[in-house]
Amino acid sequence: MKHDIEFIEDGHLYLVDGVITPSITQLLKYKFGRMYDFVNAKTLSEAAKKGTAVHKAIEEYEKEGKESDFEELRSYKLLKDLYKWKTLENELPVVLDIDDEVLGVGTLDLLVEIDGKLGIGDIKRTSTLNKEYVAYQLNLYRMAYESTFKKPIDFLFALHLRDDKRKYHKIPINEELAMEFLNEARNEIGSAE
């Protein structure tokens, strides 16, 4: 089923077919809480701005060939050359639709191809990479991509880019993990209503 997705920047809201729908990031708060509550608000705001700028620089590089001075872009290009992926899409919206029930929505950082295999990548600029969080996030994105585009995803990865730090992390595909989480989240949402 094809869905109409609208993103409203002010308030960071997604509408799917005109209905406010939680983002996959918002759904993950049921499991992980507010991971950054302990971080000073100013520090968090500055980190978010830098993360957004890095994502934008990578998107502009991929879509327009535009260069920037971000160390993270140089690191991204080095990893791309090393792992030999072809970027097919940046910032691709997807809907998590299970059995005709829209559960969430999100935006993929990267849809790539390596040796004819399709993969989803997420770019993180956090001081440390929370691999458990990323595993849940990417497995939910995988399910969302497959329900949106009806094509299988073969692999998942996270890019940890921060200043001169650069690392490619393979993330295992685990649909059972994602489905267990979705059932828990449904129960949480149901009990909160």
Protein backbone atom coordinates (compact mmCIF):
# COMPACT_ATOMS: atom_id res chain seq x y z
CA MET A 1 0.00 0.00 0.00
CA LYS A 2 1.41 3.40 -0.99
CA HIS A 3 1.30 6.07 1.69
CA ASP A 4 1.45 9.85 1.55
CA ILE A 5 4.22 11.02 3.91
CA GLU A 6 4.58 14.60 5.07
CA PHE A 7 7.25 15.90 7.45
CA ILE A 8 6.64 19.09 9.41
CA GLU A 9 10.01 20.47 10.51
CA ASP A 10 8.49 22.65 13.22
CA GLY A 11 7.72 20.16 15.95
CA HIS A 12 9.45 17.29 14.11
CA LEU A 13 6.10 15.72 13.15
CA TYR A 14 5.35 13.10 10.56
CA LEU A 15 1.95 12.73 8.93
CA VAL A 16 1.15 9.48 7.15
CA ASP A 17 -1.99 9.75 5.02
CA GLY A 18 -2.86 12.91 6.99
CA VAL A 19 -2.54 11.24 10.41
CA ILE A 20 0.15 12.18 12.95
CA THR A 21 2.38 9.11 13.20
CA PRO A 22 5.24 8.44 15.61
CA SER A 23 8.71 8.35 14.17
CA ILE A 24 10.76 5.21 14.66
CA THR A 25 13.00 7.32 16.92
CA GLN A 26 9.98 8.22 19.06
CA LEU A 27 8.95 4.55 19.24
CA LEU A 28 12.43 3.63 20.44
CA LYS A 29 11.97 5.89 23.47
CA TYR A 30 9.65 3.19 24.86
CA LYS A 31 12.69 0.93 25.18
CA PHE A 32 15.59 3.32 25.62
CA GLY A 33 13.95 6.25 27.36
CA ARG A 34 15.45 9.65 26.87
CA MET A 35 19.08 8.66 26.42
CA TYR A 36 20.44 12.18 26.52
CA ASP A 37 18.55 13.63 29.50
CA PHE A 38 21.81 13.72 31.48
CA VAL A 39 23.50 15.95 28.88
CA ASN A 40 23.51 19.71 29.40
CA ALA A 41 20.81 21.30 27.18
CA LYS A 42 23.26 23.70 25.49
CA THR A 43 25.74 20.91 24.74
CA LEU A 44 22.93 18.74 23.40
CA SER A 45 21.62 21.54 21.18
CA GLU A 46 25.09 22.24 19.76
CA ALA A 47 25.68 18.52 19.14
CA ALA A 48 22.30 18.21 17.38
CA LYS A 49 23.12 21.20 15.14
CA LYS A 50 26.50 19.72 14.24
CA GLY A 51 24.93 16.30 13.57
CA THR A 52 22.30 17.87 11.31
CA ALA A 53 25.00 19.84 9.46
CA VAL A 54 27.08 16.67 8.93
CA HIS A 55 24.03 14.78 7.60
CA LYS A 56 23.28 17.69 5.25
CA ALA A 57 26.91 17.84 4.05
CA ILE A 58 26.86 14.11 3.24
CA GLU A 59 23.50 14.41 1.49
CA GLU A 60 24.73 17.38 -0.60
CA TYR A 61 27.91 15.50 -1.45
CA GLU A 62 25.94 12.47 -2.62
CA LYS A 63 23.23 14.36 -4.51
CA GLU A 64 25.20 17.30 -5.91
CA GLY A 65 28.88 16.41 -5.54
CA LYS A 66 29.23 19.39 -3.19
CA GLU A 67 32.32 19.37 -0.97
CA SER A 68 32.59 20.79 2.55
CA ASP A 69 35.25 21.24 5.23
CA PHE A 70 33.68 18.77 7.66
CA GLU A 71 36.17 16.15 8.83
CA GLU A 72 33.19 13.77 9.00
CA LEU A 73 32.61 14.14 5.24
CA ARG A 74 36.24 13.22 4.56
CA SER A 75 35.80 10.20 6.85
CA TYR A 76 32.56 9.26 5.09
CA LYS A 77 34.28 9.35 1.70
CA LEU A 78 37.16 7.20 2.99
CA LEU A 79 34.75 4.57 4.34
CA LYS A 80 32.71 4.67 1.14
CA ASP A 81 35.87 4.00 -0.90
CA LEU A 82 37.01 1.26 1.48
CA TYR A 83 33.67 -0.62 1.59
CA LYS A 84 32.82 0.21 -2.03
CA TRP A 85 29.17 1.08 -1.69
CA LYS A 86 27.13 2.93 -4.25
CA THR A 87 24.67 5.34 -2.64
CA LEU A 88 21.23 4.92 -4.19
CA GLU A 89 19.26 7.29 -1.90
CA ASN A 90 19.79 9.74 0.95
CA GLU A 91 17.15 10.84 3.44
CA LEU A 92 14.57 8.37 2.12
CA PRO A 93 11.19 8.36 3.92
CA VAL A 94 9.74 4.95 4.83
CA VAL A 95 6.55 3.77 6.55
CA LEU A 96 6.48 0.88 9.00
CA ASP A 97 3.24 -0.80 7.89
CA ILE A 98 2.62 -4.25 9.34
CA ASP A 99 -0.53 -6.06 8.19
CA ASP A 100 -2.07 -2.76 6.98
CA GLU A 101 -1.43 -1.07 10.34
CA VAL A 102 0.85 1.97 10.22
CA LEU A 103 3.05 1.73 13.31
CA GLY A 104 5.73 4.31 12.56
CA VAL A 105 7.59 6.32 10.00
CA GLY A 106 11.19 7.33 9.50
CA THR A 107 13.84 8.63 7.18
CA LEU A 108 16.77 6.45 6.12
CA ASP A 109 20.14 8.16 6.06
CA LEU A 110 21.49 5.88 3.33
CA LEU A 111 20.21 3.26 0.94
CA VAL A 112 23.25 1.66 -0.68
CA GLU A 113 24.32 -1.20 -2.89
CA ILE A 114 27.43 -3.35 -2.51
CA ASP A 115 28.06 -6.15 -5.02
CA GLY A 116 24.41 -6.18 -6.08
CA LYS A 117 23.14 -6.39 -2.50
CA LEU A 118 20.89 -3.71 -0.99
CA GLY A 119 21.68 -2.20 2.40
CA ILE A 120 20.59 0.49 4.83
CA GLY A 121 23.10 2.66 6.64
CA ASP A 122 22.69 5.10 9.50
CA ILE A 123 25.09 7.92 10.27
CA LYS A 124 25.84 8.62 13.92
CA ARG A 125 27.90 11.47 15.32
CA THR A 126 27.43 10.63 19.01
CA SER A 127 30.44 10.54 21.34
CA THR A 128 29.95 6.76 21.72
CA LEU A 129 27.90 4.48 19.51
CA ASN A 130 25.05 2.66 21.25
CA LYS A 131 25.08 -0.52 19.16
CA GLU A 132 21.98 -1.97 20.83
CA TYR A 133 19.96 1.16 19.98
CA VAL A 134 21.27 1.17 16.40
CA ALA A 135 20.41 -2.54 16.01
CA TYR A 136 16.79 -1.87 16.95
CA GLN A 137 16.63 1.29 14.83
CA LEU A 138 18.08 -0.26 11.70
CA ASN A 139 16.02 -3.44 11.97
CA LEU A 140 12.87 -1.31 12.24
CA TYR A 141 14.05 0.77 9.25
CA ARG A 142 14.63 -2.46 7.35
CA MET A 143 11.07 -3.62 8.02
CA ALA A 144 9.77 -0.16 7.07
CA TYR A 145 11.75 -0.10 3.82
CA GLU A 146 10.57 -3.58 2.88
CA SER A 147 6.94 -2.72 3.65
CA THR A 148 7.20 0.56 1.71
CA PHE A 149 9.11 -0.63 -1.37
CA LYS A 150 8.50 -4.41 -1.36
CA LYS A 151 12.22 -5.12 -1.87
CA PRO A 152 14.41 -7.13 0.52
CA ILE A 153 17.29 -5.54 2.41
CA ASP A 154 20.41 -7.70 2.57
CA PHE A 155 22.55 -5.88 5.13
CA LEU A 156 22.58 -3.10 7.72
CA PHE A 157 25.40 -0.87 8.92
CA ALA A 158 26.13 2.16 11.06
CA LEU A 159 28.75 4.77 10.31
CA HIS A 160 30.19 6.32 13.44
CA LEU A 161 31.65 9.64 12.32
CA ARG A 162 32.85 12.21 14.82
CA ASP A 163 35.60 14.69 14.07
CA ASP A 164 38.43 12.40 12.87
CA LYS A 165 36.78 9.22 14.24
CA ARG A 166 35.41 6.93 11.54
CA LYS A 167 34.15 3.39 11.84
CA TYR A 168 31.89 1.10 9.83
CA HIS A 169 29.82 -1.22 12.05
CA LYS A 170 27.99 -4.22 10.58
CA ILE A 171 24.60 -4.60 12.26
CA PRO A 172 22.95 -8.05 12.18
CA ILE A 173 19.52 -8.40 10.62
CA ASN A 174 17.16 -9.58 13.36
CA GLU A 175 13.48 -9.35 12.51
CA GLU A 176 12.51 -11.23 15.68
CA LEU A 177 14.15 -8.50 17.79
CA ALA A 178 12.22 -5.82 15.90
CA MET A 179 8.89 -7.64 16.15
CA GLU A 180 9.31 -8.26 19.89
CA PHE A 181 10.01 -4.56 20.33
CA LEU A 182 6.96 -3.57 18.26
CA ASN A 183 4.73 -5.81 20.37
CA GLU A 184 6.15 -4.27 23.57
CA ALA A 185 5.68 -0.76 22.17
CA ARG A 186 2.08 -1.54 21.16
CA ASN A 187 1.38 -2.70 24.73
CA GLU A 188 2.98 0.45 26.17
CA ILE A 189 0.99 2.69 23.83
CA GLY A 190 -2.21 0.76 24.56
CA SER A 191 -1.76 1.02 28.34
CA ALA A 192 -0.97 4.75 28.11
CA GLU A 193 -4.25 5.50 26.32
